[in-house]
Amino acid sequence: MSDTLPIAEARAHFDSLVLRASSARERITLTDHGRPAAVLINPQELAELEDALALAQYQARQAPGTVETVPHDQVRARLGLARRRRT
């Protein structure tokens, strides 16, 4: 379930809105002048959304033809490591 409230109204009920978001896993959208300004969600739900996004980004990078590589010398240079001498 989700609910939408103006910020001014949400101020008066903030403690109960946080409780609803955290325990009932409701999404509470706060609006400012009728436009969405923020969303209260359960921290676990946020973590799940972030994990899903990270997985989708990883899968997109691994798609055929999209793998980016960096030569070893460039990596060492970016890390400020001296070039190895061959012996």
PDB file of N, CA and C in Angstrom:
ATOM      1  N   MET A   1       0.844  -1.174   0.000  1.00  0.00           N
ATOM      2  CA  MET A   1       0.000   0.000   0.000  1.00  0.00           C
ATOM      3  C   MET A   1       0.894   1.244   0.000  1.00  0.00           C
ATOM      4  N   SER A   2       0.410   2.284  -0.587  1.00  0.00           N
ATOM      5  CA  SER A   2       1.141   3.544  -0.565  1.00  0.00           C
ATOM      6  C   SER A   2       0.176   4.679  -0.275  1.00  0.00           C
ATOM      7  N   ASP A   3       0.753   5.764   0.196  1.00  0.00           N
ATOM      8  CA  ASP A   3      -0.054   6.925   0.552  1.00  0.00           C
ATOM      9  C   ASP A   3       0.703   8.159   0.098  1.00  0.00           C
ATOM     10  N   THR A   4      -0.018   9.224  -0.201  1.00  0.00           N
ATOM     11  CA  THR A   4       0.600  10.481  -0.612  1.00  0.00           C
ATOM     12  C   THR A   4       0.050  11.595   0.257  1.00  0.00           C
ATOM     13  N   LEU A   5       0.985  12.375   0.836  1.00  0.00           N
ATOM     14  CA  LEU A   5       0.581  13.462   1.722  1.00  0.00           C
ATOM     15  C   LEU A   5       1.409  14.701   1.456  1.00  0.00           C
ATOM     16  N   PRO A   6       0.821  15.877   1.621  1.00  0.00           N
ATOM     17  CA  PRO A   6       1.617  17.100   1.560  1.00  0.00           C
ATOM     18  C   PRO A   6       2.577  17.134   2.759  1.00  0.00           C
ATOM     19  N   ILE A   7       3.729  17.740   2.572  1.00  0.00           N
ATOM     20  CA  ILE A   7       4.723  17.823   3.643  1.00  0.00           C
ATOM     21  C   ILE A   7       4.125  18.450   4.897  1.00  0.00           C
ATOM     22  N   ALA A   8       3.344  19.514   4.740  1.00  0.00           N
ATOM     23  CA  ALA A   8       2.756  20.189   5.897  1.00  0.00           C
ATOM     24  C   ALA A   8       1.892  19.235   6.717  1.00  0.00           C
ATOM     25  N   GLU A   9       1.120  18.396   6.057  1.00  0.00           N
ATOM     26  CA  GLU A   9       0.283  17.425   6.767  1.00  0.00           C
ATOM     27  C   GLU A   9       1.131  16.308   7.367  1.00  0.00           C
ATOM     28  N   ALA A  10       2.175  15.904   6.654  1.00  0.00           N
ATOM     29  CA  ALA A  10       3.045  14.830   7.128  1.00  0.00           C
ATOM     30  C   ALA A  10       3.755  15.211   8.420  1.00  0.00           C
ATOM     31  N   ARG A  11       4.076  16.484   8.576  1.00  0.00           N
ATOM     32  CA  ARG A  11       4.756  16.944   9.808  1.00  0.00           C
ATOM     33  C   ARG A  11       3.953  16.575  11.056  1.00  0.00           C
ATOM     34  N   ALA A  12       2.665  16.722  10.973  1.00  0.00           N
ATOM     35  CA  ALA A  12       1.803  16.463  12.122  1.00  0.00           C
ATOM     36  C   ALA A  12       1.704  14.976  12.460  1.00  0.00           C
ATOM     37  N   HIS A  13       2.002  14.119  11.495  1.00  0.00           N
ATOM     38  CA  HIS A  13       1.852  12.663  11.688  1.00  0.00           C
ATOM     39  C   HIS A  13       3.154  11.918  11.410  1.00  0.00           C
ATOM     40  N   PHE A  14       4.271  12.622  11.503  1.00  0.00           N
ATOM     41  CA  PHE A  14       5.537  12.048  11.057  1.00  0.00           C
ATOM     42  C   PHE A  14       5.867  10.735  11.769  1.00  0.00           C
ATOM     43  N   ASP A  15       5.680  10.668  13.091  1.00  0.00           N
ATOM     44  CA  ASP A  15       6.017   9.446  13.827  1.00  0.00           C
ATOM     45  C   ASP A  15       5.208   8.247  13.346  1.00  0.00           C
ATOM     46  N   SER A  16       3.933   8.445  13.102  1.00  0.00           N
ATOM     47  CA  SER A  16       3.108   7.320  12.633  1.00  0.00           C
ATOM     48  C   SER A  16       3.438   6.962  11.182  1.00  0.00           C
ATOM     49  N   LEU A  17       3.812   7.953  10.373  1.00  0.00           N
ATOM     50  CA  LEU A  17       4.193   7.660   8.989  1.00  0.00           C
ATOM     51  C   LEU A  17       5.477   6.830   8.945  1.00  0.00           C
ATOM     52  N   VAL A  18       6.439   7.191   9.788  1.00  0.00           N
ATOM     53  CA  VAL A  18       7.685   6.418   9.849  1.00  0.00           C
ATOM     54  C   VAL A  18       7.389   4.992  10.304  1.00  0.00           C
ATOM     55  N   LEU A  19       6.537   4.837  11.295  1.00  0.00           N
ATOM     56  CA  LEU A  19       6.163   3.510  11.778  1.00  0.00           C
ATOM     57  C   LEU A  19       5.504   2.694  10.670  1.00  0.00           C
ATOM     58  N   ARG A  20       4.606   3.317   9.921  1.00  0.00           N
ATOM     59  CA  ARG A  20       3.948   2.615   8.811  1.00  0.00           C
ATOM     60  C   ARG A  20       4.959   2.181   7.756  1.00  0.00           C
ATOM     61  N   ALA A  21       5.904   3.066   7.436  1.00  0.00           N
ATOM     62  CA  ALA A  21       6.908   2.732   6.424  1.00  0.00           C
ATOM     63  C   ALA A  21       7.824   1.618   6.919  1.00  0.00           C
ATOM     64  N   SER A  22       8.207   1.679   8.186  1.00  0.00           N
ATOM     65  CA  SER A  22       9.164   0.703   8.687  1.00  0.00           C
ATOM     66  C   SER A  22       8.541  -0.654   8.996  1.00  0.00           C
ATOM     67  N   SER A  23       7.379  -0.672   9.610  1.00  0.00           N
ATOM     68  CA  SER A  23       6.803  -1.958  10.020  1.00  0.00           C
ATOM     69  C   SER A  23       5.845  -2.550   8.993  1.00  0.00           C
ATOM     70  N   ALA A  24       5.062  -1.728   8.359  1.00  0.00           N
ATOM     71  CA  ALA A  24       4.081  -2.233   7.390  1.00  0.00           C
ATOM     72  C   ALA A  24       4.625  -2.226   5.961  1.00  0.00           C
ATOM     73  N   ARG A  25       5.879  -1.735   5.795  1.00  0.00           N
ATOM     74  CA  ARG A  25       6.519  -1.663   4.475  1.00  0.00           C
ATOM     75  C   ARG A  25       5.680  -0.861   3.473  1.00  0.00           C
ATOM     76  N   GLU A  26       5.023   0.171   3.982  1.00  0.00           N
ATOM     77  CA  GLU A  26       4.276   1.071   3.105  1.00  0.00           C
ATOM     78  C   GLU A  26       5.236   2.099   2.523  1.00  0.00           C
ATOM     79  N   ARG A  27       4.922   2.567   1.340  1.00  0.00           N
ATOM     80  CA  ARG A  27       5.653   3.687   0.743  1.00  0.00           C
ATOM     81  C   ARG A  27       4.800   4.929   0.936  1.00  0.00           C
ATOM     82  N   ILE A  28       5.393   5.924   1.583  1.00  0.00           N
ATOM     83  CA  ILE A  28       4.693   7.169   1.851  1.00  0.00           C
ATOM     84  C   ILE A  28       5.365   8.268   1.031  1.00  0.00           C
ATOM     85  N   THR A  29       4.633   8.826   0.082  1.00  0.00           N
ATOM     86  CA  THR A  29       5.168   9.900  -0.755  1.00  0.00           C
ATOM     87  C   THR A  29       4.781  11.239  -0.152  1.00  0.00           C
ATOM     88  N   LEU A  30       5.786  12.100   0.036  1.00  0.00           N
ATOM     89  CA  LEU A  30       5.548  13.444   0.556  1.00  0.00           C
ATOM     90  C   LEU A  30       5.617  14.422  -0.615  1.00  0.00           C
ATOM     91  N   THR A  31       4.645  15.293  -0.684  1.00  0.00           N
ATOM     92  CA  THR A  31       4.589  16.237  -1.805  1.00  0.00           C
ATOM     93  C   THR A  31       4.832  17.659  -1.328  1.00  0.00           C
ATOM     94  N   ASP A  32       5.385  18.443  -2.227  1.00  0.00           N
ATOM     95  CA  ASP A  32       5.613  19.865  -1.984  1.00  0.00           C
ATOM     96  C   ASP A  32       4.934  20.610  -3.126  1.00  0.00           C
ATOM     97  N   HIS A  33       3.912  21.350  -2.802  1.00  0.00           N
ATOM     98  CA  HIS A  33       3.117  22.054  -3.818  1.00  0.00           C
ATOM     99  C   HIS A  33       2.595  21.083  -4.884  1.00  0.00           C
ATOM    100  N   GLY A  34       2.164  19.913  -4.427  1.00  0.00           N
ATOM    101  CA  GLY A  34       1.554  18.928  -5.312  1.00  0.00           C
ATOM    102  C   GLY A  34       2.527  18.043  -6.073  1.00  0.00           C
ATOM    103  N   ARG A  35       3.812  18.298  -5.936  1.00  0.00           N
ATOM    104  CA  ARG A  35       4.806  17.476  -6.646  1.00  0.00           C
ATOM    105  C   ARG A  35       5.545  16.573  -5.660  1.00  0.00           C
ATOM    106  N   PRO A  36       5.817  15.319  -6.052  1.00  0.00           N
ATOM    107  CA  PRO A  36       6.567  14.427  -5.158  1.00  0.00           C
ATOM    108  C   PRO A  36       7.907  15.052  -4.777  1.00  0.00           C
ATOM    109  N   ALA A  37       8.197  15.051  -3.466  1.00  0.00           N
ATOM    110  CA  ALA A  37       9.441  15.636  -2.972  1.00  0.00           C
ATOM    111  C   ALA A  37      10.311  14.596  -2.273  1.00  0.00           C
ATOM    112  N   ALA A  38       9.692  13.590  -1.661  1.00  0.00           N
ATOM    113  CA  ALA A  38      10.437  12.559  -0.946  1.00  0.00           C
ATOM    114  C   ALA A  38       9.536  11.349  -0.753  1.00  0.00           C
ATOM    115  N   VAL A  39      10.183  10.212  -0.452  1.00  0.00           N
ATOM    116  CA  VAL A  39       9.430   8.985  -0.202  1.00  0.00           C
ATOM    117  C   VAL A  39       9.995   8.324   1.042  1.00  0.00           C
ATOM    118  N   LEU A  40       9.118   7.949   1.963  1.00  0.00           N
ATOM    119  CA  LEU A  40       9.517   7.176   3.134  1.00  0.00           C
ATOM    120  C   LEU A  40       9.330   5.704   2.788  1.00  0.00           C
ATOM    121  N   ILE A  41      10.412   4.927   2.924  1.00  0.00           N
ATOM    122  CA  ILE A  41      10.314   3.485   2.687  1.00  0.00           C
ATOM    123  C   ILE A  41      11.092   2.751   3.763  1.00  0.00           C
ATOM    124  N   ASN A  42      10.809   1.478   3.903  1.00  0.00           N
ATOM    125  CA  ASN A  42      11.500   0.609   4.833  1.00  0.00           C
ATOM    126  C   ASN A  42      12.963   0.475   4.410  1.00  0.00           C
ATOM    127  N   PRO A  43      13.914   0.534   5.354  1.00  0.00           N
ATOM    128  CA  PRO A  43      15.332   0.424   4.993  1.00  0.00           C
ATOM    129  C   PRO A  43      15.657  -0.877   4.260  1.00  0.00           C
ATOM    130  N   GLN A  44      15.000  -1.966   4.620  1.00  0.00           N
ATOM    131  CA  GLN A  44      15.252  -3.239   3.933  1.00  0.00           C
ATOM    132  C   GLN A  44      14.802  -3.158   2.477  1.00  0.00           C
ATOM    133  N   GLU A  45      13.686  -2.497   2.238  1.00  0.00           N
ATOM    134  CA  GLU A  45      13.204  -2.328   0.869  1.00  0.00           C
ATOM    135  C   GLU A  45      14.189  -1.487   0.063  1.00  0.00           C
ATOM    136  N   LEU A  46      14.743  -0.454   0.683  1.00  0.00           N
ATOM    137  CA  LEU A  46      15.752   0.364   0.012  1.00  0.00           C
ATOM    138  C   LEU A  46      16.965  -0.486  -0.354  1.00  0.00           C
ATOM    139  N   ALA A  47      17.430  -1.315   0.575  1.00  0.00           N
ATOM    140  CA  ALA A  47      18.576  -2.185   0.307  1.00  0.00           C
ATOM    141  C   ALA A  47      18.271  -3.141  -0.846  1.00  0.00           C
ATOM    142  N   GLU A  48      17.061  -3.679  -0.877  1.00  0.00           N
ATOM    143  CA  GLU A  48      16.666  -4.589  -1.957  1.00  0.00           C
ATOM    144  C   GLU A  48      16.648  -3.861  -3.302  1.00  0.00           C
ATOM    145  N   LEU A  49      16.151  -2.635  -3.315  1.00  0.00           N
ATOM    146  CA  LEU A  49      16.136  -1.850  -4.553  1.00  0.00           C
ATOM    147  C   LEU A  49      17.552  -1.537  -5.025  1.00  0.00           C
ATOM    148  N   GLU A  50      18.437  -1.185  -4.075  1.00  0.00           N
ATOM    149  CA  GLU A  50      19.823  -0.893  -4.427  1.00  0.00           C
ATOM    150  C   GLU A  50      20.525  -2.138  -4.964  1.00  0.00           C
ATOM    151  N   ASP A  51      20.266  -3.296  -4.341  1.00  0.00           N
ATOM    152  CA  ASP A  51      20.856  -4.554  -4.813  1.00  0.00           C
ATOM    153  C   ASP A  51      20.374  -4.892  -6.219  1.00  0.00           C
ATOM    154  N   ALA A  52      19.076  -4.707  -6.463  1.00  0.00           N
ATOM    155  CA  ALA A  52      18.522  -4.994  -7.786  1.00  0.00           C
ATOM    156  C   ALA A  52      19.126  -4.082  -8.840  1.00  0.00           C
ATOM    157  N   LEU A  53      19.297  -2.813  -8.497  1.00  0.00           N
ATOM    158  CA  LEU A  53      19.905  -1.860  -9.428  1.00  0.00           C
ATOM    159  C   LEU A  53      21.358  -2.233  -9.706  1.00  0.00           C
ATOM    160  N   ALA A  54      22.109  -2.563  -8.660  1.00  0.00           N
ATOM    161  CA  ALA A  54      23.510  -2.949  -8.837  1.00  0.00           C
ATOM    162  C   ALA A  54      23.620  -4.190  -9.706  1.00  0.00           C
ATOM    163  N   LEU A  55      22.743  -5.163  -9.507  1.00  0.00           N
ATOM    164  CA  LEU A  55      22.756  -6.378 -10.325  1.00  0.00           C
ATOM    165  C   LEU A  55      22.439  -6.057 -11.779  1.00  0.00           C
ATOM    166  N   ALA A  56      21.443  -5.217 -12.014  1.00  0.00           N
ATOM    167  CA  ALA A  56      21.084  -4.835 -13.389  1.00  0.00           C
ATOM    168  C   ALA A  56      22.241  -4.107 -14.064  1.00  0.00           C
ATOM    169  N   GLN A  57      22.915  -3.230 -13.337  1.00  0.00           N
ATOM    170  CA  GLN A  57      24.060  -2.519 -13.907  1.00  0.00           C
ATOM    171  C   GLN A  57      25.195  -3.485 -14.219  1.00  0.00           C
ATOM    172  N   TYR A  58      25.442  -4.434 -13.330  1.00  0.00           N
ATOM    173  CA  TYR A  58      26.484  -5.442 -13.557  1.00  0.00           C
ATOM    174  C   TYR A  58      26.153  -6.272 -14.792  1.00  0.00           C
ATOM    175  N   GLN A  59      24.914  -6.725 -14.891  1.00  0.00           N
ATOM    176  CA  GLN A  59      24.510  -7.546 -16.034  1.00  0.00           C
ATOM    177  C   GLN A  59      24.629  -6.766 -17.336  1.00  0.00           C
ATOM    178  N   ALA A  60      24.315  -5.480 -17.311  1.00  0.00           N
ATOM    179  CA  ALA A  60      24.444  -4.656 -18.518  1.00  0.00           C
ATOM    180  C   ALA A  60      25.906  -4.544 -18.924  1.00  0.00           C
ATOM    181  N   ARG A  61      26.793  -4.409 -17.942  1.00  0.00           N
ATOM    182  CA  ARG A  61      28.227  -4.321 -18.255  1.00  0.00           C
ATOM    183  C   ARG A  61      28.765  -5.637 -18.798  1.00  0.00           C
ATOM    184  N   GLN A  62      28.155  -6.756 -18.400  1.00  0.00           N
ATOM    185  CA  GLN A  62      28.634  -8.068 -18.818  1.00  0.00           C
ATOM    186  C   GLN A  62      28.011  -8.549 -20.124  1.00  0.00           C
ATOM    187  N   ALA A  63      27.063  -7.790 -20.648  1.00  0.00           N
ATOM    188  CA  ALA A  63      26.404  -8.182 -21.897  1.00  0.00           C
ATOM    189  C   ALA A  63      27.447  -8.288 -23.010  1.00  0.00           C
ATOM    190  N   PRO A  64      27.246  -9.217 -23.949  1.00  0.00           N
ATOM    191  CA  PRO A  64      28.210  -9.387 -25.036  1.00  0.00           C
ATOM    192  C   PRO A  64      28.502  -8.063 -25.746  1.00  0.00           C
ATOM    193  N   GLY A  65      29.785  -7.789 -25.937  1.00  0.00           N
ATOM    194  CA  GLY A  65      30.197  -6.594 -26.658  1.00  0.00           C
ATOM    195  C   GLY A  65      30.279  -5.343 -25.815  1.00  0.00           C
ATOM    196  N   THR A  66      30.005  -5.450 -24.507  1.00  0.00           N
ATOM    197  CA  THR A  66      30.012  -4.245 -23.676  1.00  0.00           C
ATOM    198  C   THR A  66      31.087  -4.267 -22.592  1.00  0.00           C
ATOM    199  N   VAL A  67      31.913  -5.298 -22.579  1.00  0.00           N
ATOM    200  CA  VAL A  67      32.939  -5.401 -21.545  1.00  0.00           C
ATOM    201  C   VAL A  67      34.045  -4.388 -21.825  1.00  0.00           C
ATOM    202  N   GLU A  68      34.332  -3.576 -20.832  1.00  0.00           N
ATOM    203  CA  GLU A  68      35.405  -2.597 -20.950  1.00  0.00           C
ATOM    204  C   GLU A  68      36.638  -3.147 -20.269  1.00  0.00           C
ATOM    205  N   THR A  69      37.768  -3.012 -20.912  1.00  0.00           N
ATOM    206  CA  THR A  69      39.011  -3.455 -20.303  1.00  0.00           C
ATOM    207  C   THR A  69      39.964  -2.279 -20.195  1.00  0.00           C
ATOM    208  N   VAL A  70      40.880  -2.375 -19.252  1.00  0.00           N
ATOM    209  CA  VAL A  70      41.898  -1.353 -19.064  1.00  0.00           C
ATOM    210  C   VAL A  70      43.239  -2.075 -19.062  1.00  0.00           C
ATOM    211  N   PRO A  71      44.157  -1.664 -19.923  1.00  0.00           N
ATOM    212  CA  PRO A  71      45.461  -2.320 -19.941  1.00  0.00           C
ATOM    213  C   PRO A  71      46.165  -2.213 -18.594  1.00  0.00           C
ATOM    214  N   HIS A  72      46.951  -3.236 -18.269  1.00  0.00           N
ATOM    215  CA  HIS A  72      47.645  -3.320 -17.003  1.00  0.00           C
ATOM    216  C   HIS A  72      48.501  -2.079 -16.731  1.00  0.00           C
ATOM    217  N   ASP A  73      49.212  -1.598 -17.731  1.00  0.00           N
ATOM    218  CA  ASP A  73      50.055  -0.417 -17.552  1.00  0.00           C
ATOM    219  C   ASP A  73      49.227   0.802 -17.133  1.00  0.00           C
ATOM    220  N   GLN A  74      48.034   0.955 -17.686  1.00  0.00           N
ATOM    221  CA  GLN A  74      47.179   2.085 -17.316  1.00  0.00           C
ATOM    222  C   GLN A  74      46.689   1.963 -15.877  1.00  0.00           C
ATOM    223  N   VAL A  75      46.383   0.739 -15.467  1.00  0.00           N
ATOM    224  CA  VAL A  75      45.949   0.521 -14.084  1.00  0.00           C
ATOM    225  C   VAL A  75      47.068   0.903 -13.125  1.00  0.00           C
ATOM    226  N   ARG A  76      48.271   0.435 -13.404  1.00  0.00           N
ATOM    227  CA  ARG A  76      49.414   0.755 -12.547  1.00  0.00           C
ATOM    228  C   ARG A  76      49.647   2.261 -12.517  1.00  0.00           C
ATOM    229  N   ALA A  77      49.522   2.922 -13.662  1.00  0.00           N
ATOM    230  CA  ALA A  77      49.726   4.374 -13.713  1.00  0.00           C
ATOM    231  C   ALA A  77      48.654   5.103 -12.899  1.00  0.00           C
ATOM    232  N   ARG A  78      47.397   4.667 -13.010  1.00  0.00           N
ATOM    233  CA  ARG A  78      46.310   5.300 -12.251  1.00  0.00           C
ATOM    234  C   ARG A  78      46.502   5.128 -10.750  1.00  0.00           C
ATOM    235  N   LEU A  79      47.110   4.011 -10.360  1.00  0.00           N
ATOM    236  CA  LEU A  79      47.345   3.751  -8.948  1.00  0.00           C
ATOM    237  C   LEU A  79      48.644   4.364  -8.454  1.00  0.00           C
ATOM    238  N   GLY A  80      49.379   4.973  -9.369  1.00  0.00           N
ATOM    239  CA  GLY A  80      50.633   5.613  -9.000  1.00  0.00           C
ATOM    240  C   GLY A  80      51.753   4.612  -8.731  1.00  0.00           C
ATOM    241  N   LEU A  81      51.649   3.449  -9.326  1.00  0.00           N
ATOM    242  CA  LEU A  81      52.669   2.424  -9.142  1.00  0.00           C
ATOM    243  C   LEU A  81      53.687   2.482 -10.266  1.00  0.00           C
ATOM    244  N   ALA A  82      54.922   2.302  -9.911  1.00  0.00           N
ATOM    245  CA  ALA A  82      55.984   2.328 -10.916  1.00  0.00           C
ATOM    246  C   ALA A  82      55.849   1.120 -11.841  1.00  0.00           C
ATOM    247  N   ARG A  83      56.311   1.304 -13.032  1.00  0.00           N
ATOM    248  CA  ARG A  83      56.274   0.222 -14.009  1.00  0.00           C
ATOM    249  C   ARG A  83      57.301  -0.833 -13.606  1.00  0.00           C
ATOM    250  N   ARG A  84      56.901  -2.068 -13.683  1.00  0.00           N
ATOM    251  CA  ARG A  84      57.807  -3.156 -13.334  1.00  0.00           C
ATOM    252  C   ARG A  84      58.873  -3.331 -14.387  1.00  0.00           C
ATOM    253  N   ARG A  85      60.041  -3.637 -13.917  1.00  0.00           N
ATOM    254  CA  ARG A  85      61.124  -3.956 -14.851  1.00  0.00           C
ATOM    255  C   ARG A  85      61.109  -5.452 -15.107  1.00  0.00           C
ATOM    256  N   ARG A  86      61.305  -5.790 -16.313  1.00  0.00           N
ATOM    257  CA  ARG A  86      61.371  -7.223 -16.649  1.00  0.00           C
ATOM    258  C   ARG A  86      62.774  -7.707 -16.409  1.00  0.00           C
ATOM    259  N   THR A  87      62.878  -8.834 -15.778  1.00  0.00           N
ATOM    260  CA  THR A  87      64.193  -9.400 -15.501  1.00  0.00           C
ATOM    261  C   THR A  87      64.423 -10.678 -16.251  1.00  0.00           C
TER     262      THR A  87
END
